[in-house]
Amino acid sequence: MNQYLNPQFYTSWLSSLWENFIQLASNKVTLIEIAIIIIALLLSYMVARPSIRRLNRLLDNREWRNRFPGRFLRALLPLMTIVLAILLLRIGIEAFEKYNVTSFLLATAARLLTAWFIIRFTTGMIRDSNWSRLLSIAAWFVAALHILKLLIPAIDLLDRLAIDLGGVRISLLLLIKGVVVFSVLLKLASTAASLMEKRISTIKELTPSVQVLLTKALTITFLTVAVMVAFSSLGINLSAFAFIGGAIGVGIGFGLQKVVSNLVSGVILLLDKSIKPGDVIGVGDSYGKIQSLGARYVSVTTRDGFEYLIPNEDLITQQVINWSFSDFLVRLKIGVGVSYDTDIHKAMDLMVQAAKGVDRILEEPMPVCQLKEFGDNSVDLELRIWVNDPDKGISNVSSAVRVAIWDLFKEHQIEIPFPQRDVHIKNQA
């Protein structure tokens, strides 16, 4: 271990590497091999690129471009350059063997390109481009070390770079393995959870709340199993991390109160089915339609296009108006004041008539107009109407009714008064 921390070790290693490079560069056969490799790469690029562009344009016009044949061809087309380069290198190798000359560099380059082709083609079938790129680079790096016969020394070096932490030996090799195993298992767990979510969403017998609850439970289960399997596969004893439980308890008691409260509140909301995706709710100044139920918050989209993330705890501790809890039937009240000189019966009939002319107003229950009180400046009337689609907005239908009332009142010369005051001037003389 100490030799890897000694700068002289790396100095001698670089010096040896430089001497080997000088020796290879002075060899005519090596120079010829390097020239053949460069020519093969340039020639394959120049020949293959125009064909790749034409075939891509041809593939874009096909209906099956996103199915398996299309994905197969899309994964294969970018690798035509590599395929052509491998063929040219194989021709060079055959020519060297014909004259009984060893072609070490050509054979190594051909093997590296072949490994890159196989890996890129296999991972190219994966739809997630980020995962495809990451897996291809990691797999090719391992394959390149194996081809160059450096894999075992690299593994040995990574294993020696280790420290002891609480009786657990943690090496750089273990960390790399852990990252790879965790990444793969977590990806598999999330993929399995997504597939189960799609399957659960197709079961019409389950309510939206139960569907969300089952999805969250399965996701947590898959992730927990993935973490436990990852630790076991790395040979790590979980009991060595028992002290973390106390730290987590203290953290929950102090810094994570709100987080845990929101998590528990989310489970309660799913169990009691008080709100569910698609409901129209009002919390404080926020009014809109529930888009999704999360572990920590509820996503509510308003008619203005804003998306509010309301913590689950607020939906438990505050008063919530659920416009569609039992059904979507909602009654709206519209107040209008008329002059004392008005024929009240006629005004009330006109207000009901105005409501019936608006499309979203229900005929049953029918609109009703009532006289609420005799105000200081007007006779106050109240129109009560019913709608069954509050998710389409409340203020817009109220506005439409008020406009219709205004038009009818203007047509029949019914006055909507404004506040008036009588001012008396007392003579002080």
Protein backbone atom coordinates (compact mmCIF):
# COMPACT_ATOMS: atom_id res chain seq x y z
CA MET A 1 0.00 0.00 0.00
CA ASN A 2 2.83 2.41 0.87
CA GLN A 3 4.39 2.12 -2.56
CA TYR A 4 1.29 3.61 -4.16
CA LEU A 5 1.65 6.66 -1.93
CA ASN A 6 5.31 7.13 -2.89
CA PRO A 7 5.80 9.65 -5.77
CA GLN A 8 8.96 7.79 -6.84
CA PHE A 9 6.85 4.77 -7.73
CA TYR A 10 4.86 6.76 -10.29
CA THR A 11 8.01 8.46 -11.61
CA SER A 12 9.66 5.13 -12.36
CA TRP A 13 6.42 3.80 -13.85
CA LEU A 14 6.11 6.77 -16.23
CA SER A 15 9.80 6.46 -17.14
CA SER A 16 9.33 2.80 -18.02
CA LEU A 17 6.23 3.61 -20.04
CA TRP A 18 8.08 6.31 -21.98
CA GLU A 19 10.96 3.94 -22.80
CA ASN A 20 8.51 1.36 -24.15
CA PHE A 21 6.86 4.04 -26.26
CA ILE A 22 10.19 5.14 -27.74
CA GLN A 23 11.06 1.53 -28.52
CA LEU A 24 7.75 0.98 -30.30
CA ALA A 25 7.97 4.25 -32.21
CA SER A 26 11.38 3.34 -33.58
CA ASN A 27 10.05 0.06 -34.97
CA LYS A 28 9.04 0.28 -38.65
CA VAL A 29 6.39 -2.41 -38.28
CA THR A 30 4.77 -0.51 -35.41
CA LEU A 31 4.71 2.70 -37.46
CA ILE A 32 3.09 0.87 -40.36
CA GLU A 33 0.45 -0.58 -38.03
CA ILE A 34 -0.32 2.87 -36.61
CA ALA A 35 -0.63 4.28 -40.12
CA ILE A 36 -3.00 1.46 -41.14
CA ILE A 37 -5.15 2.06 -38.05
CA ILE A 38 -5.42 5.80 -38.79
CA ILE A 39 -6.21 5.20 -42.47
CA ALA A 40 -8.84 2.58 -41.60
CA LEU A 41 -10.59 4.92 -39.16
CA LEU A 42 -10.55 7.91 -41.55
CA LEU A 43 -11.65 5.86 -44.58
CA SER A 44 -14.48 4.16 -42.69
CA TYR A 45 -15.72 7.54 -41.40
CA MET A 46 -15.67 9.14 -44.86
CA VAL A 47 -17.49 6.20 -46.49
CA ALA A 48 -20.04 5.39 -43.79
CA ARG A 49 -21.27 8.85 -42.71
CA PRO A 50 -23.19 9.74 -45.93
CA SER A 51 -24.86 6.32 -45.93
CA ILE A 52 -25.85 6.68 -42.28
CA ARG A 53 -27.53 10.05 -42.93
CA ARG A 54 -29.51 8.73 -45.89
CA LEU A 55 -30.63 5.63 -44.01
CA ASN A 56 -31.67 7.71 -40.98
CA ARG A 57 -33.85 9.94 -43.18
CA LEU A 58 -35.36 6.84 -44.76
CA LEU A 59 -36.05 5.34 -41.33
CA ASP A 60 -37.76 8.52 -40.05
CA ASN A 61 -40.53 8.07 -42.62
CA ARG A 62 -41.44 4.57 -41.45
CA GLU A 63 -44.34 3.91 -39.08
CA TRP A 64 -42.43 1.14 -37.27
CA ARG A 65 -39.43 3.35 -36.43
CA ASN A 66 -40.26 3.22 -32.66
CA ARG A 67 -40.92 -0.53 -32.56
CA PHE A 68 -38.37 -3.30 -32.24
CA PRO A 69 -37.23 -3.31 -35.92
CA GLY A 70 -36.85 0.47 -35.82
CA ARG A 71 -34.88 0.41 -32.54
CA PHE A 72 -32.74 -2.41 -33.96
CA LEU A 73 -31.80 -0.39 -37.02
CA ARG A 74 -31.31 2.82 -35.00
CA ALA A 75 -28.87 0.98 -32.74
CA LEU A 76 -27.04 -0.52 -35.73
CA LEU A 77 -26.76 2.49 -38.06
CA PRO A 78 -24.39 4.64 -35.91
CA LEU A 79 -22.05 1.63 -35.66
CA MET A 80 -21.56 1.20 -39.42
CA THR A 81 -18.36 3.25 -39.16
CA ILE A 82 -16.98 0.84 -36.57
CA VAL A 83 -18.03 -2.20 -38.63
CA LEU A 84 -16.22 -0.86 -41.69
CA ALA A 85 -13.13 -0.02 -39.63
CA ILE A 86 -13.05 -3.56 -38.21
CA LEU A 87 -13.25 -5.03 -41.74
CA LEU A 88 -10.36 -2.84 -42.91
CA LEU A 89 -8.28 -3.80 -39.89
CA ARG A 90 -8.99 -7.49 -40.50
CA ILE A 91 -7.75 -7.06 -44.05
CA GLY A 92 -4.54 -5.50 -42.68
CA ILE A 93 -4.10 -8.38 -40.24
CA GLU A 94 -4.51 -10.94 -43.02
CA ALA A 95 -1.90 -9.11 -45.09
CA PHE A 96 0.58 -9.15 -42.18
CA GLU A 97 0.00 -12.86 -41.56
CA LYS A 98 0.60 -13.58 -45.25
CA TYR A 99 4.16 -12.25 -44.83
CA ASN A 100 4.57 -13.89 -41.38
CA VAL A 101 4.73 -10.52 -39.58
CA THR A 102 3.20 -10.12 -36.14
CA SER A 103 0.45 -7.49 -36.06
CA PHE A 104 0.02 -6.79 -32.35
CA LEU A 105 -1.39 -3.25 -32.64
CA LEU A 106 -3.77 -4.15 -35.47
CA ALA A 107 -5.11 -7.16 -33.59
CA THR A 108 -5.50 -5.13 -30.39
CA ALA A 109 -7.30 -2.29 -32.19
CA ALA A 110 -9.62 -4.77 -33.94
CA ARG A 111 -10.49 -6.45 -30.64
CA LEU A 112 -11.14 -3.12 -28.93
CA LEU A 113 -13.40 -1.96 -31.77
CA THR A 114 -15.22 -5.31 -31.79
CA ALA A 115 -15.85 -5.05 -28.05
CA TRP A 116 -17.09 -1.47 -28.51
CA PHE A 117 -19.43 -2.57 -31.33
CA ILE A 118 -20.96 -5.41 -29.31
CA ILE A 119 -21.40 -3.26 -26.21
CA ARG A 120 -22.79 -0.21 -28.04
CA PHE A 121 -25.19 -2.32 -30.10
CA THR A 122 -26.48 -4.16 -27.03
CA THR A 123 -26.92 -1.04 -24.90
CA GLY A 124 -28.35 0.87 -27.89
CA MET A 125 -31.51 -1.19 -27.56
CA ILE A 126 -32.13 0.44 -24.18
CA ARG A 127 -34.58 3.32 -24.54
CA ASP A 128 -33.01 5.43 -21.78
CA SER A 129 -30.12 7.14 -23.57
CA ASN A 130 -28.33 8.15 -20.35
CA TRP A 131 -28.28 4.59 -19.04
CA SER A 132 -27.28 3.30 -22.45
CA ARG A 133 -24.32 5.65 -22.63
CA LEU A 134 -23.23 4.95 -19.06
CA LEU A 135 -23.41 1.16 -19.42
CA SER A 136 -21.58 1.18 -22.75
CA ILE A 137 -18.68 3.26 -21.40
CA ALA A 138 -18.33 1.15 -18.23
CA ALA A 139 -18.53 -2.17 -20.10
CA TRP A 140 -16.07 -1.08 -22.78
CA PHE A 141 -13.62 0.19 -20.16
CA VAL A 142 -13.65 -3.23 -18.46
CA ALA A 143 -13.35 -5.02 -21.82
CA ALA A 144 -10.44 -2.79 -22.85
CA LEU A 145 -8.57 -3.55 -19.62
CA HIS A 146 -9.18 -7.26 -20.19
CA ILE A 147 -7.96 -7.13 -23.79
CA LEU A 148 -4.83 -5.23 -22.74
CA LYS A 149 -4.32 -7.72 -19.89
CA LEU A 150 -4.55 -4.94 -17.30
CA LEU A 151 -7.82 -5.95 -15.64
CA ILE A 152 -6.33 -8.14 -12.88
CA PRO A 153 -3.61 -5.60 -11.93
CA ALA A 154 -6.21 -2.80 -11.91
CA ILE A 155 -8.52 -4.82 -9.64
CA ASP A 156 -5.63 -5.64 -7.33
CA LEU A 157 -4.64 -1.96 -7.13
CA LEU A 158 -8.20 -0.82 -6.38
CA ASP A 159 -8.55 -3.48 -3.69
CA ARG A 160 -5.34 -2.38 -1.96
CA LEU A 161 -6.53 1.22 -1.71
CA ALA A 162 -8.67 0.64 1.40
CA ILE A 163 -9.41 2.00 4.84
CA ASP A 164 -10.98 0.47 7.96
CA LEU A 165 -14.14 2.21 9.16
CA GLY A 166 -15.77 0.87 12.30
CA GLY A 167 -14.38 -2.61 11.72
CA VAL A 168 -15.53 -2.60 8.11
CA ARG A 169 -12.85 -2.67 5.40
CA ILE A 170 -13.86 -0.26 2.63
CA SER A 171 -11.72 -0.32 -0.48
CA LEU A 172 -11.94 1.66 -3.68
CA LEU A 173 -12.90 -1.55 -5.48
CA LEU A 174 -15.76 -2.09 -3.02
CA LEU A 175 -16.98 1.47 -3.58
CA ILE A 176 -16.98 1.01 -7.37
CA LYS A 177 -18.79 -2.31 -7.04
CA GLY A 178 -21.27 -0.69 -4.68
CA VAL A 179 -22.03 2.14 -7.11
CA VAL A 180 -22.52 -0.32 -9.98
CA VAL A 181 -24.66 -2.77 -8.00
CA PHE A 182 -26.77 -0.03 -6.42
CA SER A 183 -27.31 1.71 -9.76
CA VAL A 184 -28.36 -1.47 -11.54
CA LEU A 185 -30.62 -2.72 -8.75
CA LEU A 186 -32.25 0.67 -8.20
CA LYS A 187 -32.87 0.96 -11.94
CA LEU A 188 -34.43 -2.49 -11.98
CA ALA A 189 -36.53 -1.63 -8.92
CA SER A 190 -37.81 1.62 -10.43
CA THR A 191 -38.56 -0.13 -13.74
CA ALA A 192 -40.47 -2.88 -11.96
CA ALA A 193 -42.38 -0.26 -9.95
CA SER A 194 -43.29 1.62 -13.13
CA LEU A 195 -44.56 -1.55 -14.79
CA MET A 196 -46.64 -2.40 -11.72
CA GLU A 197 -48.00 1.16 -11.64
CA LYS A 198 -49.19 0.87 -15.24
CA ARG A 199 -50.76 -2.50 -14.46
CA ILE A 200 -52.52 -1.19 -11.34
CA SER A 201 -53.85 1.86 -13.22
CA THR A 202 -55.73 -0.46 -15.59
CA ILE A 203 -57.68 -2.13 -12.75
CA LYS A 204 -60.96 -0.23 -12.81
CA GLU A 205 -62.22 -1.85 -9.60
CA LEU A 206 -59.65 0.11 -7.56
CA THR A 207 -60.28 3.74 -6.67
CA PRO A 208 -57.58 6.32 -7.60
CA SER A 209 -56.57 6.63 -3.93
CA VAL A 210 -56.05 2.88 -3.56
CA GLN A 211 -54.11 2.80 -6.83
CA VAL A 212 -51.75 5.50 -5.58
CA LEU A 213 -51.38 3.78 -2.20
CA LEU A 214 -50.53 0.43 -3.78
CA THR A 215 -48.08 2.09 -6.16
CA LYS A 216 -46.25 3.88 -3.35
CA ALA A 217 -46.15 0.74 -1.21
CA LEU A 218 -44.73 -1.35 -4.07
CA THR A 219 -42.15 1.31 -4.89
CA ILE A 220 -40.92 1.45 -1.29
CA THR A 221 -40.86 -2.37 -1.12
CA PHE A 222 -38.85 -2.72 -4.34
CA LEU A 223 -36.35 -0.05 -3.28
CA THR A 224 -35.91 -1.63 0.18
CA VAL A 225 -35.32 -5.06 -1.34
CA ALA A 226 -32.84 -3.57 -3.83
CA VAL A 227 -30.83 -1.91 -1.05
CA MET A 228 -30.76 -5.09 1.07
CA VAL A 229 -29.74 -7.25 -1.90
CA ALA A 230 -27.03 -4.76 -2.83
CA PHE A 231 -25.53 -4.83 0.68
CA SER A 232 -25.70 -8.62 0.80
CA SER A 233 -24.09 -9.01 -2.63
CA LEU A 234 -21.19 -6.80 -1.51
CA GLY A 235 -20.64 -8.92 1.59
CA ILE A 236 -21.49 -6.10 3.98
CA ASN A 237 -23.06 -7.10 7.28
CA LEU A 238 -26.06 -4.86 7.90
CA SER A 239 -25.59 -5.13 11.65
CA ALA A 240 -22.45 -3.03 11.28
CA PHE A 241 -24.69 -0.08 10.48
CA ALA A 242 -26.96 -0.54 13.51
CA PHE A 243 -25.64 2.70 15.01
CA ILE A 244 -27.25 4.57 12.11
CA GLY A 245 -30.68 3.78 13.57
CA GLY A 246 -30.03 5.96 16.60
CA ALA A 247 -28.79 8.80 14.44
CA ILE A 248 -31.87 8.55 12.22
CA GLY A 249 -34.11 8.65 15.29
CA VAL A 250 -32.43 11.81 16.54
CA GLY A 251 -32.64 13.34 13.07
CA ILE A 252 -36.34 12.58 12.85
CA GLY A 253 -36.90 14.03 16.30
CA PHE A 254 -35.25 17.34 15.39
CA GLY A 255 -34.75 18.10 11.72
CA LEU A 256 -37.16 15.76 9.95
CA GLN A 257 -40.38 16.40 11.83
CA LYS A 258 -42.10 18.08 8.90
CA VAL A 259 -40.88 15.47 6.42
CA VAL A 260 -42.15 12.56 8.51
CA SER A 261 -45.38 14.43 9.24
CA ASN A 262 -45.99 14.92 5.52
CA LEU A 263 -45.23 11.26 4.80
CA VAL A 264 -47.65 10.05 7.48
CA SER A 265 -50.28 12.58 6.36
CA GLY A 266 -49.96 11.31 2.79
CA VAL A 267 -50.66 7.74 3.91
CA ILE A 268 -53.68 8.93 5.94
CA LEU A 269 -55.08 10.82 2.94
CA LEU A 270 -54.77 7.73 0.79
CA LEU A 271 -56.38 5.48 3.39
CA ASP A 272 -59.37 7.68 4.27
CA LYS A 273 -59.94 8.59 0.58
CA SER A 274 -60.78 12.19 1.50
CA ILE A 275 -59.03 13.44 -1.62
CA LYS A 276 -57.97 11.67 -4.79
CA PRO A 277 -56.55 12.56 -8.23
CA GLY A 278 -59.15 14.43 -10.25
CA ASP A 279 -60.86 16.09 -7.26
CA VAL A 280 -61.38 19.86 -7.28
CA ILE A 281 -60.33 21.32 -3.93
CA GLY A 282 -59.78 24.67 -2.27
CA VAL A 283 -57.15 25.18 0.45
CA GLY A 284 -56.75 28.75 1.63
CA ASP A 285 -56.26 30.87 -1.48
CA SER A 286 -55.42 27.84 -3.67
CA TYR A 287 -58.22 26.39 -5.80
CA GLY A 288 -57.75 23.81 -8.52
CA LYS A 289 -57.75 20.20 -9.66
CA ILE A 290 -55.58 17.52 -8.05
CA GLN A 291 -53.13 16.16 -10.60
CA SER A 292 -51.19 13.72 -8.44
CA LEU A 293 -50.66 12.58 -4.86
CA GLY A 294 -47.02 12.45 -3.79
CA ALA A 295 -45.33 11.09 -0.71
CA ARG A 296 -44.71 14.62 0.59
CA TYR A 297 -47.12 16.89 -1.27
CA VAL A 298 -50.24 17.10 -3.44
CA SER A 299 -50.00 18.70 -6.88
CA VAL A 300 -52.93 21.07 -7.56
CA THR A 301 -53.28 22.81 -10.94
CA THR A 302 -55.34 26.00 -11.08
CA ARG A 303 -57.32 27.45 -13.96
CA ASP A 304 -54.52 30.01 -14.41
CA GLY A 305 -52.04 27.26 -15.25
CA PHE A 306 -50.19 27.50 -11.93
CA GLU A 307 -49.28 24.25 -10.21
CA TYR A 308 -49.27 24.40 -6.41
CA LEU A 309 -47.42 21.78 -4.36
CA ILE A 310 -49.42 21.68 -1.13
CA PRO A 311 -47.80 19.74 1.77
CA ASN A 312 -49.86 16.75 2.89
CA GLU A 313 -49.86 18.04 6.47
CA ASP A 314 -51.80 21.17 5.41
CA LEU A 315 -54.57 18.98 3.98
CA ILE A 316 -54.88 17.22 7.36
CA THR A 317 -54.66 20.21 9.70
CA GLN A 318 -56.48 22.88 7.66
CA GLN A 319 -60.02 23.18 6.38
CA VAL A 320 -60.23 21.81 2.86
CA ILE A 321 -63.11 22.42 0.46
CA ASN A 322 -63.53 19.35 -1.73
CA TRP A 323 -65.93 20.37 -4.47
CA SER A 324 -66.15 16.80 -5.73
CA PHE A 325 -65.86 14.67 -2.58
CA SER A 326 -69.20 12.84 -2.92
CA ASP A 327 -70.26 14.29 -6.29
CA PHE A 328 -69.51 17.21 -8.60
CA LEU A 329 -72.80 19.02 -7.93
CA VAL A 330 -72.09 22.57 -6.67
CA ARG A 331 -74.44 25.48 -5.91
CA LEU A 332 -73.36 29.05 -6.62
CA LYS A 333 -74.88 32.22 -5.20
CA ILE A 334 -74.97 35.50 -7.15
CA GLY A 335 -76.16 38.62 -5.37
CA VAL A 336 -77.72 41.57 -7.24
CA GLY A 337 -79.25 44.78 -5.86
CA VAL A 338 -82.14 46.57 -7.62
CA SER A 339 -83.85 49.90 -7.03
CA TYR A 340 -86.82 50.26 -4.69
CA ASP A 341 -88.87 51.46 -7.67
CA THR A 342 -88.36 48.12 -9.45
CA ASP A 343 -91.02 45.48 -9.99
CA ILE A 344 -89.39 42.84 -7.77
CA HIS A 345 -91.29 39.90 -9.26
CA LYS A 346 -90.23 40.88 -12.77
CA ALA A 347 -86.58 41.33 -11.71
CA MET A 348 -86.54 37.90 -10.06
CA ASP A 349 -88.03 36.27 -13.17
CA LEU A 350 -85.44 37.99 -15.39
CA MET A 351 -82.59 36.74 -13.22
CA VAL A 352 -83.87 33.16 -13.47
CA GLN A 353 -84.28 33.63 -17.23
CA ALA A 354 -80.68 34.88 -17.48
CA ALA A 355 -79.40 31.80 -15.64
CA LYS A 356 -81.28 29.44 -17.97
CA GLY A 357 -79.54 31.00 -20.95
CA VAL A 358 -76.06 29.89 -19.77
CA ASP A 359 -75.02 26.45 -21.04
CA ARG A 360 -73.33 25.11 -17.90
CA ILE A 361 -76.25 25.90 -15.57
CA LEU A 362 -78.27 22.78 -14.72
CA GLU A 363 -82.02 22.67 -15.34
CA GLU A 364 -82.44 20.30 -12.39
CA PRO A 365 -82.04 21.51 -9.67
CA MET A 366 -83.50 24.56 -11.36
CA PRO A 367 -82.23 28.13 -10.77
CA VAL A 368 -83.99 29.97 -7.96
CA CYS A 369 -84.06 33.67 -7.08
CA GLN A 370 -84.77 34.88 -3.53
CA LEU A 371 -85.20 38.28 -1.90
CA LYS A 372 -82.52 38.39 0.79
CA GLU A 373 -83.09 41.76 2.48
CA PHE A 374 -84.04 45.41 2.15
CA GLY A 375 -80.74 47.23 2.07
CA ASP A 376 -79.92 50.89 2.65
CA ASN A 377 -79.80 51.69 -1.05
CA SER A 378 -81.28 48.65 -2.81
CA VAL A 379 -83.44 45.59 -2.59
CA ASP A 380 -80.95 42.72 -2.39
CA LEU A 381 -81.77 39.66 -4.51
CA GLU A 382 -79.82 36.38 -4.64
CA LEU A 383 -79.75 33.97 -7.58
CA ARG A 384 -78.89 30.36 -6.74
CA ILE A 385 -77.68 28.15 -9.56
CA TRP A 386 -76.22 24.65 -9.84
CA VAL A 387 -73.30 23.27 -11.90
CA ASN A 388 -71.79 19.79 -12.05
CA ASP A 389 -68.39 20.65 -13.54
CA PRO A 390 -66.49 22.81 -11.02
CA ASP A 391 -63.21 21.62 -12.53
CA LYS A 392 -63.97 23.91 -15.50
CA GLY A 393 -64.02 26.95 -13.23
CA ILE A 394 -66.49 28.77 -10.99
CA SER A 395 -65.82 32.46 -11.62
CA ASN A 396 -66.28 32.11 -15.40
CA VAL A 397 -69.83 30.73 -15.10
CA SER A 398 -70.70 33.37 -12.47
CA SER A 399 -69.41 36.05 -14.84
CA ALA A 400 -71.52 34.69 -17.71
CA VAL A 401 -74.66 34.82 -15.54
CA ARG A 402 -73.94 38.39 -14.39
CA VAL A 403 -73.47 39.54 -17.99
CA ALA A 404 -76.80 37.93 -18.96
CA ILE A 405 -78.53 39.66 -16.00
CA TRP A 406 -77.00 42.99 -16.99
CA ASP A 407 -78.27 42.66 -20.58
CA LEU A 408 -81.81 41.72 -19.51
CA PHE A 409 -81.99 44.49 -16.91
CA LYS A 410 -80.87 47.04 -19.52
CA GLU A 411 -83.45 45.74 -21.95
CA HIS A 412 -86.30 46.08 -19.41
CA GLN A 413 -85.10 49.37 -17.83
CA ILE A 414 -84.39 47.82 -14.43
CA GLU A 415 -82.00 49.96 -12.44
CA ILE A 416 -79.08 48.59 -10.44
CA PRO A 417 -78.56 51.41 -7.90
CA PHE A 418 -75.32 52.67 -6.44
CA PRO A 419 -74.85 53.88 -2.86
CA GLN A 420 -76.27 57.36 -2.20
CA ARG A 421 -75.91 59.74 0.73
CA ASP A 422 -77.91 62.79 1.71
CA VAL A 423 -75.77 65.64 3.02
CA HIS A 424 -77.41 68.22 5.30
CA ILE A 425 -75.59 71.51 5.91
CA LYS A 426 -76.44 73.00 9.27
CA ASN A 427 -76.53 76.81 9.34
CA GLN A 428 -74.37 78.01 12.22
CA ALA A 429 -75.52 81.65 11.95
